[in-house]
């Protein structure tokens, strides 16, 4: 995978999971997915992507509740409004931004594994 593609995946982790949401519909009914509402859920639904379903966005929010603090979720939501902000955060030398980016990447991986 080339660098621009990786960057896009990191910038819009929630949008990526939402765009892959159709795969979840084919899963066995015995696989239960958590559902929650909150800031990530709202941003996911507002992303206006075809596969941004209520169940997928709710699943992503449930993972966010486990992996990200409230302030981390607010910071991640801001990326939807200004994608360049995510790029600045990812490339920042600020130790707080670096720590956040590690948590954000871990959240994205968990959300994709759980919800995608």
PDB file of N, CA and C in Angstrom:
ATOM      1  N   UNK A   1       0.855  -1.172   0.000  1.00  0.00           N
ATOM      2  CA  UNK A   1       0.000   0.000   0.000  1.00  0.00           C
ATOM      3  C   UNK A   1       0.898   1.232   0.000  1.00  0.00           C
ATOM      4  N   UNK A   2       0.592   2.188  -0.862  1.00  0.00           N
ATOM      5  CA  UNK A   2       1.449   3.370  -0.954  1.00  0.00           C
ATOM      6  C   UNK A   2       1.155   4.357   0.164  1.00  0.00           C
ATOM      7  N   UNK A   3       2.060   5.284   0.363  1.00  0.00           N
ATOM      8  CA  UNK A   3       1.968   6.239   1.468  1.00  0.00           C
ATOM      9  C   UNK A   3       0.699   7.091   1.416  1.00  0.00           C
ATOM     10  N   UNK A   4       0.295   7.641   0.256  1.00  0.00           N
ATOM     11  CA  UNK A   4      -0.952   8.427   0.251  1.00  0.00           C
ATOM     12  C   UNK A   4      -2.161   7.611   0.705  1.00  0.00           C
ATOM     13  N   UNK A   5      -2.196   6.355   0.328  1.00  0.00           N
ATOM     14  CA  UNK A   5      -3.320   5.514   0.742  1.00  0.00           C
ATOM     15  C   UNK A   5      -3.307   5.309   2.248  1.00  0.00           C
ATOM     16  N   UNK A   6      -2.133   5.064   2.819  1.00  0.00           N
ATOM     17  CA  UNK A   6      -2.026   4.911   4.263  1.00  0.00           C
ATOM     18  C   UNK A   6      -2.474   6.173   4.974  1.00  0.00           C
ATOM     19  N   UNK A   7      -2.073   7.311   4.453  1.00  0.00           N
ATOM     20  CA  UNK A   7      -2.444   8.585   5.057  1.00  0.00           C
ATOM     21  C   UNK A   7      -3.953   8.767   5.050  1.00  0.00           C
ATOM     22  N   UNK A   8      -4.582   8.449   3.948  1.00  0.00           N
ATOM     23  CA  UNK A   8      -6.036   8.585   3.851  1.00  0.00           C
ATOM     24  C   UNK A   8      -6.711   7.660   4.869  1.00  0.00           C
ATOM     25  N   UNK A   9      -6.192   6.441   5.011  1.00  0.00           N
ATOM     26  CA  UNK A   9      -6.772   5.514   5.975  1.00  0.00           C
ATOM     27  C   UNK A   9      -6.659   6.042   7.395  1.00  0.00           C
ATOM     28  N   UNK A  10      -5.531   6.645   7.724  1.00  0.00           N
ATOM     29  CA  UNK A  10      -5.336   7.186   9.053  1.00  0.00           C
ATOM     30  C   UNK A  10      -6.183   8.423   9.302  1.00  0.00           C
ATOM     31  N   UNK A  11      -6.333   9.253   8.306  1.00  0.00           N
ATOM     32  CA  UNK A  11      -7.083  10.495   8.457  1.00  0.00           C
ATOM     33  C   UNK A  11      -8.544  10.224   8.762  1.00  0.00           C
ATOM     34  N   UNK A  12      -9.103   9.287   8.100  1.00  0.00           N
ATOM     35  CA  UNK A  12     -10.551   9.042   8.227  1.00  0.00           C
ATOM     36  C   UNK A  12     -10.829   7.615   8.684  1.00  0.00           C
ATOM     37  N   UNK A  13     -10.270   7.210   9.779  1.00  0.00           N
ATOM     38  CA  UNK A  13     -10.437   5.851  10.263  1.00  0.00           C
ATOM     39  C   UNK A  13     -11.914   5.497  10.390  1.00  0.00           C
ATOM     40  N   UNK A  14     -12.655   6.363  10.963  1.00  0.00           N
ATOM     41  CA  UNK A  14     -14.076   6.081  11.143  1.00  0.00           C
ATOM     42  C   UNK A  14     -14.778   5.995   9.796  1.00  0.00           C
ATOM     43  N   UNK A  15     -14.423   6.884   8.889  1.00  0.00           N
ATOM     44  CA  UNK A  15     -15.032   6.844   7.561  1.00  0.00           C
ATOM     45  C   UNK A  15     -14.643   5.562   6.842  1.00  0.00           C
ATOM     46  N   UNK A  16     -13.417   5.129   7.028  1.00  0.00           N
ATOM     47  CA  UNK A  16     -12.967   3.880   6.413  1.00  0.00           C
ATOM     48  C   UNK A  16     -13.800   2.721   6.920  1.00  0.00           C
ATOM     49  N   UNK A  17     -13.978   2.656   8.217  1.00  0.00           N
ATOM     50  CA  UNK A  17     -14.757   1.568   8.788  1.00  0.00           C
ATOM     51  C   UNK A  17     -16.184   1.631   8.259  1.00  0.00           C
ATOM     52  N   UNK A  18     -16.715   2.836   8.167  1.00  0.00           N
ATOM     53  CA  UNK A  18     -18.076   2.984   7.654  1.00  0.00           C
ATOM     54  C   UNK A  18     -18.164   2.528   6.198  1.00  0.00           C
ATOM     55  N   UNK A  19     -17.134   2.814   5.419  1.00  0.00           N
ATOM     56  CA  UNK A  19     -17.166   2.422   4.012  1.00  0.00           C
ATOM     57  C   UNK A  19     -17.024   0.914   3.846  1.00  0.00           C
ATOM     58  N   UNK A  20     -16.518   0.233   4.853  1.00  0.00           N
ATOM     59  CA  UNK A  20     -16.382  -1.225   4.808  1.00  0.00           C
ATOM     60  C   UNK A  20     -17.552  -1.898   5.498  1.00  0.00           C
ATOM     61  N   UNK A  21     -18.501  -1.140   5.959  1.00  0.00           N
ATOM     62  CA  UNK A  21     -19.582  -1.658   6.777  1.00  0.00           C
ATOM     63  C   UNK A  21     -20.423  -2.727   6.125  1.00  0.00           C
ATOM     64  N   UNK A  22     -20.474  -2.763   4.827  1.00  0.00           N
ATOM     65  CA  UNK A  22     -21.313  -3.753   4.170  1.00  0.00           C
ATOM     66  C   UNK A  22     -20.821  -5.168   4.431  1.00  0.00           C
ATOM     67  N   UNK A  23     -19.540  -5.344   4.733  1.00  0.00           N
ATOM     68  CA  UNK A  23     -19.043  -6.678   5.023  1.00  0.00           C
ATOM     69  C   UNK A  23     -19.669  -7.227   6.293  1.00  0.00           C
ATOM     70  N   UNK A  24     -19.966  -6.363   7.249  1.00  0.00           N
ATOM     71  CA  UNK A  24     -20.543  -6.797   8.513  1.00  0.00           C
ATOM     72  C   UNK A  24     -21.919  -7.410   8.341  1.00  0.00           C
ATOM     73  N   UNK A  25     -22.644  -7.031   7.301  1.00  0.00           N
ATOM     74  CA  UNK A  25     -23.983  -7.544   7.075  1.00  0.00           C
ATOM     75  C   UNK A  25     -23.966  -9.027   6.744  1.00  0.00           C
ATOM     76  N   UNK A  26     -22.841  -9.534   6.269  1.00  0.00           N
ATOM     77  CA  UNK A  26     -22.751 -10.928   5.896  1.00  0.00           C
ATOM     78  C   UNK A  26     -22.248 -11.812   7.027  1.00  0.00           C
ATOM     79  N   UNK A  27     -21.953 -11.245   8.166  1.00  0.00           N
ATOM     80  CA  UNK A  27     -21.440 -12.020   9.290  1.00  0.00           C
ATOM     81  C   UNK A  27     -22.544 -12.860   9.897  1.00  0.00           C
ATOM     82  N   UNK A  28     -22.129 -13.897  10.573  1.00  0.00           N
ATOM     83  CA  UNK A  28     -23.077 -14.772  11.259  1.00  0.00           C
ATOM     84  C   UNK A  28     -23.861 -13.973  12.292  1.00  0.00           C
ATOM     85  N   UNK A  29     -25.130 -14.326  12.464  1.00  0.00           N
ATOM     86  CA  UNK A  29     -25.953 -13.605  13.436  1.00  0.00           C
ATOM     87  C   UNK A  29     -25.494 -13.869  14.864  1.00  0.00           C
ATOM     88  N   UNK A  30     -24.638 -14.873  15.065  1.00  0.00           N
ATOM     89  CA  UNK A  30     -24.150 -15.159  16.414  1.00  0.00           C
ATOM     90  C   UNK A  30     -23.073 -14.173  16.844  1.00  0.00           C
ATOM     91  N   UNK A  31     -22.564 -13.376  15.923  1.00  0.00           N
ATOM     92  CA  UNK A  31     -21.550 -12.373  16.257  1.00  0.00           C
ATOM     93  C   UNK A  31     -22.278 -11.096  16.667  1.00  0.00           C
ATOM     94  N   UNK A  32     -22.226 -10.816  17.956  1.00  0.00           N
ATOM     95  CA  UNK A  32     -22.898  -9.616  18.470  1.00  0.00           C
ATOM     96  C   UNK A  32     -21.944  -8.427  18.380  1.00  0.00           C
ATOM     97  N   UNK A  33     -22.469  -7.285  17.934  1.00  0.00           N
ATOM     98  CA  UNK A  33     -21.681  -6.063  17.878  1.00  0.00           C
ATOM     99  C   UNK A  33     -22.301  -5.061  18.833  1.00  0.00           C
ATOM    100  N   UNK A  34     -21.433  -4.406  19.578  1.00  0.00           N
ATOM    101  CA  UNK A  34     -21.897  -3.380  20.506  1.00  0.00           C
ATOM    102  C   UNK A  34     -22.406  -2.186  19.715  1.00  0.00           C
ATOM    103  N   UNK A  35     -23.257  -1.392  20.353  1.00  0.00           N
ATOM    104  CA  UNK A  35     -23.798  -0.196  19.727  1.00  0.00           C
ATOM    105  C   UNK A  35     -23.802   0.927  20.756  1.00  0.00           C
ATOM    106  N   UNK A  36     -23.349   2.081  20.342  1.00  0.00           N
ATOM    107  CA  UNK A  36     -23.360   3.247  21.233  1.00  0.00           C
ATOM    108  C   UNK A  36     -23.552   4.499  20.394  1.00  0.00           C
ATOM    109  N   UNK A  37     -24.009   5.545  21.035  1.00  0.00           N
ATOM    110  CA  UNK A  37     -24.082   6.850  20.383  1.00  0.00           C
ATOM    111  C   UNK A  37     -23.131   7.790  21.112  1.00  0.00           C
ATOM    112  N   UNK A  38     -22.694   8.798  20.408  1.00  0.00           N
ATOM    113  CA  UNK A  38     -21.758   9.761  20.964  1.00  0.00           C
ATOM    114  C   UNK A  38     -21.147  10.575  19.845  1.00  0.00           C
ATOM    115  N   UNK A  39     -20.060  11.273  20.129  1.00  0.00           N
ATOM    116  CA  UNK A  39     -19.490  12.182  19.130  1.00  0.00           C
ATOM    117  C   UNK A  39     -18.943  11.482  17.887  1.00  0.00           C
ATOM    118  N   UNK A  40     -18.338  10.320  18.031  1.00  0.00           N
ATOM    119  CA  UNK A  40     -17.826   9.577  16.876  1.00  0.00           C
ATOM    120  C   UNK A  40     -18.998   9.073  16.035  1.00  0.00           C
ATOM    121  N   UNK A  41     -20.021   8.568  16.701  1.00  0.00           N
ATOM    122  CA  UNK A  41     -21.229   8.114  16.008  1.00  0.00           C
ATOM    123  C   UNK A  41     -21.812   9.255  15.166  1.00  0.00           C
ATOM    124  N   UNK A  42     -21.954  10.420  15.768  1.00  0.00           N
ATOM    125  CA  UNK A  42     -22.536  11.559  15.058  1.00  0.00           C
ATOM    126  C   UNK A  42     -21.685  11.966  13.863  1.00  0.00           C
ATOM    127  N   UNK A  43     -20.367  12.001  14.039  1.00  0.00           N
ATOM    128  CA  UNK A  43     -19.470  12.372  12.943  1.00  0.00           C
ATOM    129  C   UNK A  43     -19.521  11.328  11.833  1.00  0.00           C
ATOM    130  N   UNK A  44     -19.584  10.073  12.219  1.00  0.00           N
ATOM    131  CA  UNK A  44     -19.670   8.982  11.249  1.00  0.00           C
ATOM    132  C   UNK A  44     -20.949   9.102  10.422  1.00  0.00           C
ATOM    133  N   UNK A  45     -22.065   9.324  11.080  1.00  0.00           N
ATOM    134  CA  UNK A  45     -23.344   9.460  10.373  1.00  0.00           C
ATOM    135  C   UNK A  45     -23.363  10.709   9.491  1.00  0.00           C
ATOM    136  N   UNK A  46     -22.733  11.775   9.954  1.00  0.00           N
ATOM    137  CA  UNK A  46     -22.706  13.025   9.190  1.00  0.00           C
ATOM    138  C   UNK A  46     -21.719  12.969   8.031  1.00  0.00           C
ATOM    139  N   UNK A  47     -20.869  11.946   7.991  1.00  0.00           N
ATOM    140  CA  UNK A  47     -19.859  11.841   6.929  1.00  0.00           C
ATOM    141  C   UNK A  47     -20.495  11.631   5.560  1.00  0.00           C
ATOM    142  N   UNK A  48     -21.762  11.304   5.529  1.00  0.00           N
ATOM    143  CA  UNK A  48     -22.532  11.186   4.296  1.00  0.00           C
ATOM    144  C   UNK A  48     -21.925  10.169   3.331  1.00  0.00           C
ATOM    145  N   UNK A  49     -21.571   9.016   3.874  1.00  0.00           N
ATOM    146  CA  UNK A  49     -21.087   7.912   3.039  1.00  0.00           C
ATOM    147  C   UNK A  49     -22.195   6.870   2.958  1.00  0.00           C
ATOM    148  N   UNK A  50     -22.295   6.206   1.815  1.00  0.00           N
ATOM    149  CA  UNK A  50     -23.352   5.222   1.614  1.00  0.00           C
ATOM    150  C   UNK A  50     -23.401   4.162   2.704  1.00  0.00           C
ATOM    151  N   UNK A  51     -22.244   3.642   3.073  1.00  0.00           N
ATOM    152  CA  UNK A  51     -22.199   2.538   4.029  1.00  0.00           C
ATOM    153  C   UNK A  51     -22.138   3.001   5.479  1.00  0.00           C
ATOM    154  N   UNK A  52     -22.284   4.286   5.726  1.00  0.00           N
ATOM    155  CA  UNK A  52     -22.267   4.797   7.104  1.00  0.00           C
ATOM    156  C   UNK A  52     -23.630   4.542   7.718  1.00  0.00           C
ATOM    157  N   UNK A  53     -23.834   3.301   8.106  1.00  0.00           N
ATOM    158  CA  UNK A  53     -25.120   2.915   8.682  1.00  0.00           C
ATOM    159  C   UNK A  53     -25.130   3.178  10.177  1.00  0.00           C
ATOM    160  N   UNK A  54     -26.305   3.207  10.712  1.00  0.00           N
ATOM    161  CA  UNK A  54     -26.458   3.407  12.150  1.00  0.00           C
ATOM    162  C   UNK A  54     -25.744   2.311  12.937  1.00  0.00           C
ATOM    163  N   UNK A  55     -25.843   1.071  12.477  1.00  0.00           N
ATOM    164  CA  UNK A  55     -25.209  -0.023  13.219  1.00  0.00           C
ATOM    165  C   UNK A  55     -23.686   0.036  13.125  1.00  0.00           C
ATOM    166  N   UNK A  56     -23.153   0.363  11.961  1.00  0.00           N
ATOM    167  CA  UNK A  56     -21.695   0.456  11.822  1.00  0.00           C
ATOM    168  C   UNK A  56     -21.155   1.626  12.635  1.00  0.00           C
ATOM    169  N   UNK A  57     -21.787   2.779  12.518  1.00  0.00           N
ATOM    170  CA  UNK A  57     -21.332   3.949  13.271  1.00  0.00           C
ATOM    171  C   UNK A  57     -21.484   3.720  14.775  1.00  0.00           C
ATOM    172  N   UNK A  58     -22.543   3.016  15.166  1.00  0.00           N
ATOM    173  CA  UNK A  58     -22.733   2.688  16.575  1.00  0.00           C
ATOM    174  C   UNK A  58     -21.664   1.739  17.084  1.00  0.00           C
ATOM    175  N   UNK A  59     -21.267   0.814  16.248  1.00  0.00           N
ATOM    176  CA  UNK A  59     -20.194  -0.107  16.618  1.00  0.00           C
ATOM    177  C   UNK A  59     -18.873   0.650  16.771  1.00  0.00           C
ATOM    178  N   UNK A  60     -18.593   1.544  15.838  1.00  0.00           N
ATOM    179  CA  UNK A  60     -17.359   2.336  15.902  1.00  0.00           C
ATOM    180  C   UNK A  60     -17.354   3.186  17.171  1.00  0.00           C
ATOM    181  N   UNK A  61     -18.498   3.763  17.528  1.00  0.00           N
ATOM    182  CA  UNK A  61     -18.591   4.555  18.764  1.00  0.00           C
ATOM    183  C   UNK A  61     -18.334   3.676  19.983  1.00  0.00           C
ATOM    184  N   UNK A  62     -18.856   2.473  19.977  1.00  0.00           N
ATOM    185  CA  UNK A  62     -18.636   1.567  21.113  1.00  0.00           C
ATOM    186  C   UNK A  62     -17.145   1.257  21.279  1.00  0.00           C
ATOM    187  N   UNK A  63     -16.444   1.068  20.171  1.00  0.00           N
ATOM    188  CA  UNK A  63     -14.999   0.838  20.239  1.00  0.00           C
ATOM    189  C   UNK A  63     -14.301   2.105  20.734  1.00  0.00           C
ATOM    190  N   UNK A  64     -14.742   3.254  20.250  1.00  0.00           N
ATOM    191  CA  UNK A  64     -14.155   4.522  20.703  1.00  0.00           C
ATOM    192  C   UNK A  64     -14.327   4.685  22.208  1.00  0.00           C
ATOM    193  N   UNK A  65     -15.475   4.286  22.726  1.00  0.00           N
ATOM    194  CA  UNK A  65     -15.715   4.389  24.175  1.00  0.00           C
ATOM    195  C   UNK A  65     -14.733   3.531  24.967  1.00  0.00           C
ATOM    196  N   UNK A  66     -14.293   2.443  24.377  1.00  0.00           N
ATOM    197  CA  UNK A  66     -13.328   1.563  25.040  1.00  0.00           C
ATOM    198  C   UNK A  66     -11.898   2.051  24.873  1.00  0.00           C
ATOM    199  N   UNK A  67     -11.588   2.647  23.729  1.00  0.00           N
ATOM    200  CA  UNK A  67     -10.197   2.943  23.385  1.00  0.00           C
ATOM    201  C   UNK A  67      -9.794   4.409  23.533  1.00  0.00           C
ATOM    202  N   UNK A  68     -10.752   5.332  23.490  1.00  0.00           N
ATOM    203  CA  UNK A  68     -10.433   6.757  23.497  1.00  0.00           C
ATOM    204  C   UNK A  68     -11.155   7.480  24.629  1.00  0.00           C
ATOM    205  N   UNK A  69     -10.464   8.426  25.233  1.00  0.00           N
ATOM    206  CA  UNK A  69     -11.105   9.277  26.238  1.00  0.00           C
ATOM    207  C   UNK A  69     -12.074  10.223  25.528  1.00  0.00           C
ATOM    208  N   UNK A  70     -12.861  10.930  26.310  1.00  0.00           N
ATOM    209  CA  UNK A  70     -13.777  11.920  25.738  1.00  0.00           C
ATOM    210  C   UNK A  70     -13.040  13.002  24.963  1.00  0.00           C
ATOM    211  N   UNK A  71     -11.922  13.469  25.493  1.00  0.00           N
ATOM    212  CA  UNK A  71     -11.164  14.511  24.786  1.00  0.00           C
ATOM    213  C   UNK A  71     -10.523  13.946  23.518  1.00  0.00           C
ATOM    214  N   UNK A  72     -10.086  12.687  23.554  1.00  0.00           N
ATOM    215  CA  UNK A  72      -9.554  12.058  22.338  1.00  0.00           C
ATOM    216  C   UNK A  72     -10.646  11.944  21.274  1.00  0.00           C
ATOM    217  N   UNK A  73     -11.853  11.591  21.700  1.00  0.00           N
ATOM    218  CA  UNK A  73     -12.958  11.492  20.745  1.00  0.00           C
ATOM    219  C   UNK A  73     -13.263  12.854  20.126  1.00  0.00           C
ATOM    220  N   UNK A  74     -13.246  13.899  20.937  1.00  0.00           N
ATOM    221  CA  UNK A  74     -13.494  15.249  20.414  1.00  0.00           C
ATOM    222  C   UNK A  74     -12.432  15.639  19.399  1.00  0.00           C
ATOM    223  N   UNK A  75     -11.197  15.298  19.692  1.00  0.00           N
ATOM    224  CA  UNK A  75     -10.106  15.615  18.772  1.00  0.00           C
ATOM    225  C   UNK A  75     -10.281  14.849  17.459  1.00  0.00           C
ATOM    226  N   UNK A  76     -10.673  13.595  17.545  1.00  0.00           N
ATOM    227  CA  UNK A  76     -10.885  12.782  16.348  1.00  0.00           C
ATOM    228  C   UNK A  76     -12.045  13.315  15.514  1.00  0.00           C
ATOM    229  N   UNK A  77     -13.101  13.757  16.169  1.00  0.00           N
ATOM    230  CA  UNK A  77     -14.253  14.320  15.456  1.00  0.00           C
ATOM    231  C   UNK A  77     -13.840  15.558  14.668  1.00  0.00           C
ATOM    232  N   UNK A  78     -12.933  16.326  15.221  1.00  0.00           N
ATOM    233  CA  UNK A  78     -12.466  17.538  14.533  1.00  0.00           C
ATOM    234  C   UNK A  78     -11.824  17.213  13.191  1.00  0.00           C
ATOM    235  N   UNK A  79     -11.291  16.003  13.037  1.00  0.00           N
ATOM    236  CA  UNK A  79     -10.674  15.608  11.772  1.00  0.00           C
ATOM    237  C   UNK A  79     -11.694  15.550  10.640  1.00  0.00           C
ATOM    238  N   UNK A  80     -12.940  15.259  10.965  1.00  0.00           N
ATOM    239  CA  UNK A  80     -13.969  15.215   9.937  1.00  0.00           C
ATOM    240  C   UNK A  80     -14.243  16.605   9.382  1.00  0.00           C
ATOM    241  N   UNK A  81     -14.170  17.598  10.241  1.00  0.00           N
ATOM    242  CA  UNK A  81     -14.418  18.971   9.808  1.00  0.00           C
ATOM    243  C   UNK A  81     -13.226  19.562   9.081  1.00  0.00           C
ATOM    244  N   UNK A  82     -12.026  19.141   9.470  1.00  0.00           N
ATOM    245  CA  UNK A  82     -10.798  19.681   8.885  1.00  0.00           C
ATOM    246  C   UNK A  82      -9.777  18.553   8.760  1.00  0.00           C
ATOM    247  N   UNK A  83      -9.821  17.788   7.659  1.00  0.00           N
ATOM    248  CA  UNK A  83      -8.905  16.658   7.494  1.00  0.00           C
ATOM    249  C   UNK A  83      -7.429  17.052   7.577  1.00  0.00           C
ATOM    250  N   UNK A  84      -7.111  18.273   7.224  1.00  0.00           N
ATOM    251  CA  UNK A  84      -5.719  18.715   7.315  1.00  0.00           C
ATOM    252  C   UNK A  84      -5.225  18.702   8.759  1.00  0.00           C
ATOM    253  N   UNK A  85      -6.145  18.903   9.696  1.00  0.00           N
ATOM    254  CA  UNK A  85      -5.781  18.887  11.115  1.00  0.00           C
ATOM    255  C   UNK A  85      -5.226  17.513  11.514  1.00  0.00           C
ATOM    256  N   UNK A  86      -5.763  16.459  10.934  1.00  0.00           N
ATOM    257  CA  UNK A  86      -5.249  15.125  11.252  1.00  0.00           C
ATOM    258  C   UNK A  86      -3.823  14.958  10.742  1.00  0.00           C
ATOM    259  N   UNK A  87      -3.565  15.497   9.576  1.00  0.00           N
ATOM    260  CA  UNK A  87      -2.216  15.441   9.014  1.00  0.00           C
ATOM    261  C   UNK A  87      -1.236  16.195   9.909  1.00  0.00           C
ATOM    262  N   UNK A  88      -1.652  17.356  10.371  1.00  0.00           N
ATOM    263  CA  UNK A  88      -0.803  18.152  11.266  1.00  0.00           C
ATOM    264  C   UNK A  88      -0.550  17.399  12.572  1.00  0.00           C
ATOM    265  N   UNK A  89      -1.573  16.764  13.091  1.00  0.00           N
ATOM    266  CA  UNK A  89      -1.441  16.007  14.336  1.00  0.00           C
ATOM    267  C   UNK A  89      -0.495  14.830  14.144  1.00  0.00           C
ATOM    268  N   UNK A  90      -0.675  14.104  13.055  1.00  0.00           N
ATOM    269  CA  UNK A  90       0.149  12.928  12.777  1.00  0.00           C
ATOM    270  C   UNK A  90       1.618  13.308  12.637  1.00  0.00           C
ATOM    271  N   UNK A  91       1.902  14.449  12.018  1.00  0.00           N
ATOM    272  CA  UNK A  91       3.282  14.854  11.753  1.00  0.00           C
ATOM    273  C   UNK A  91       3.889  15.703  12.860  1.00  0.00           C
ATOM    274  N   UNK A  92       3.125  15.990  13.875  1.00  0.00           N
ATOM    275  CA  UNK A  92       3.575  16.864  14.953  1.00  0.00           C
ATOM    276  C   UNK A  92       4.713  16.240  15.767  1.00  0.00           C
ATOM    277  N   UNK A  93       5.604  17.095  16.235  1.00  0.00           N
ATOM    278  CA  UNK A  93       6.663  16.660  17.149  1.00  0.00           C
ATOM    279  C   UNK A  93       6.232  16.830  18.604  1.00  0.00           C
ATOM    280  N   UNK A  94       5.044  17.350  18.817  1.00  0.00           N
ATOM    281  CA  UNK A  94       4.515  17.537  20.161  1.00  0.00           C
ATOM    282  C   UNK A  94       4.253  16.166  20.796  1.00  0.00           C
ATOM    283  N   UNK A  95       4.803  15.899  21.973  1.00  0.00           N
ATOM    284  CA  UNK A  95       4.617  14.576  22.584  1.00  0.00           C
ATOM    285  C   UNK A  95       3.154  14.227  22.879  1.00  0.00           C
ATOM    286  N   UNK A  96       2.323  15.228  23.161  1.00  0.00           N
ATOM    287  CA  UNK A  96       0.900  14.963  23.402  1.00  0.00           C
ATOM    288  C   UNK A  96       0.219  14.504  22.118  1.00  0.00           C
ATOM    289  N   UNK A  97       0.549  15.159  20.999  1.00  0.00           N
ATOM    290  CA  UNK A  97      -0.012  14.754  19.710  1.00  0.00           C
ATOM    291  C   UNK A  97       0.494  13.374  19.296  1.00  0.00           C
ATOM    292  N   UNK A  98       1.759  13.104  19.560  1.00  0.00           N
ATOM    293  CA  UNK A  98       2.305  11.789  19.230  1.00  0.00           C
ATOM    294  C   UNK A  98       1.602  10.685  20.027  1.00  0.00           C
ATOM    295  N   UNK A  99       1.378  10.929  21.308  1.00  0.00           N
ATOM    296  CA  UNK A  99       0.685   9.946  22.153  1.00  0.00           C
ATOM    297  C   UNK A  99      -0.757   9.763  21.678  1.00  0.00           C
ATOM    298  N   UNK A 100      -1.428  10.871  21.362  1.00  0.00           N
ATOM    299  CA  UNK A 100      -2.792  10.786  20.852  1.00  0.00           C
ATOM    300  C   UNK A 100      -2.820   9.965  19.564  1.00  0.00           C
ATOM    301  N   UNK A 101      -1.873  10.232  18.663  1.00  0.00           N
ATOM    302  CA  UNK A 101      -1.894   9.547  17.369  1.00  0.00           C
ATOM    303  C   UNK A 101      -1.737   8.037  17.551  1.00  0.00           C
ATOM    304  N   UNK A 102      -0.938   7.610  18.511  1.00  0.00           N
ATOM    305  CA  UNK A 102      -0.792   6.177  18.782  1.00  0.00           C
ATOM    306  C   UNK A 102      -2.119   5.586  19.270  1.00  0.00           C
ATOM    307  N   UNK A 103      -2.801   6.308  20.151  1.00  0.00           N
ATOM    308  CA  UNK A 103      -4.106   5.832  20.640  1.00  0.00           C
ATOM    309  C   UNK A 103      -5.125   5.802  19.505  1.00  0.00           C
ATOM    310  N   UNK A 104      -5.083   6.827  18.658  1.00  0.00           N
ATOM    311  CA  UNK A 104      -6.015   6.940  17.540  1.00  0.00           C
ATOM    312  C   UNK A 104      -5.800   5.792  16.545  1.00  0.00           C
ATOM    313  N   UNK A 105      -4.564   5.468  16.233  1.00  0.00           N
ATOM    314  CA  UNK A 105      -4.268   4.361  15.327  1.00  0.00           C
ATOM    315  C   UNK A 105      -4.740   3.037  15.923  1.00  0.00           C
ATOM    316  N   UNK A 106      -4.514   2.851  17.221  1.00  0.00           N
ATOM    317  CA  UNK A 106      -4.963   1.627  17.882  1.00  0.00           C
ATOM    318  C   UNK A 106      -6.490   1.531  17.841  1.00  0.00           C
ATOM    319  N   UNK A 107      -7.151   2.649  18.074  1.00  0.00           N
ATOM    320  CA  UNK A 107      -8.611   2.694  17.973  1.00  0.00           C
ATOM    321  C   UNK A 107      -9.055   2.298  16.565  1.00  0.00           C
ATOM    322  N   UNK A 108      -8.421   2.876  15.553  1.00  0.00           N
ATOM    323  CA  UNK A 108      -8.792   2.576  14.170  1.00  0.00           C
ATOM    324  C   UNK A 108      -8.643   1.095  13.839  1.00  0.00           C
ATOM    325  N   UNK A 109      -7.563   0.500  14.288  1.00  0.00           N
ATOM    326  CA  UNK A 109      -7.344  -0.925  14.049  1.00  0.00           C
ATOM    327  C   UNK A 109      -8.403  -1.759  14.754  1.00  0.00           C
ATOM    328  N   UNK A 110      -8.712  -1.404  15.996  1.00  0.00           N
ATOM    329  CA  UNK A 110      -9.736  -2.130  16.753  1.00  0.00           C
ATOM    330  C   UNK A 110     -11.112  -1.971  16.117  1.00  0.00           C
ATOM    331  N   UNK A 111     -11.417  -0.757  15.690  1.00  0.00           N
ATOM    332  CA  UNK A 111     -12.722  -0.512  15.072  1.00  0.00           C
ATOM    333  C   UNK A 111     -12.860  -1.295  13.779  1.00  0.00           C
ATOM    334  N   UNK A 112     -11.813  -1.326  13.001  1.00  0.00           N
ATOM    335  CA  UNK A 112     -11.875  -2.078  11.744  1.00  0.00           C
ATOM    336  C   UNK A 112     -12.043  -3.566  12.012  1.00  0.00           C
ATOM    337  N   UNK A 113     -11.307  -4.089  12.989  1.00  0.00           N
ATOM    338  CA  UNK A 113     -11.410  -5.513  13.316  1.00  0.00           C
ATOM    339  C   UNK A 113     -12.784  -5.867  13.895  1.00  0.00           C
ATOM    340  N   UNK A 114     -13.339  -4.977  14.702  1.00  0.00           N
ATOM    341  CA  UNK A 114     -14.611  -5.251  15.365  1.00  0.00           C
ATOM    342  C   UNK A 114     -15.821  -4.961  14.477  1.00  0.00           C
ATOM    343  N   UNK A 115     -15.760  -3.876  13.748  1.00  0.00           N
ATOM    344  CA  UNK A 115     -16.940  -3.385  13.034  1.00  0.00           C
ATOM    345  C   UNK A 115     -16.875  -3.582  11.518  1.00  0.00           C
ATOM    346  N   UNK A 116     -15.681  -3.743  10.994  1.00  0.00           N
ATOM    347  CA  UNK A 116     -15.523  -3.789   9.540  1.00  0.00           C
ATOM    348  C   UNK A 116     -15.641  -5.140   8.992  1.00  0.00           C
TER     349      UNK A 116
END
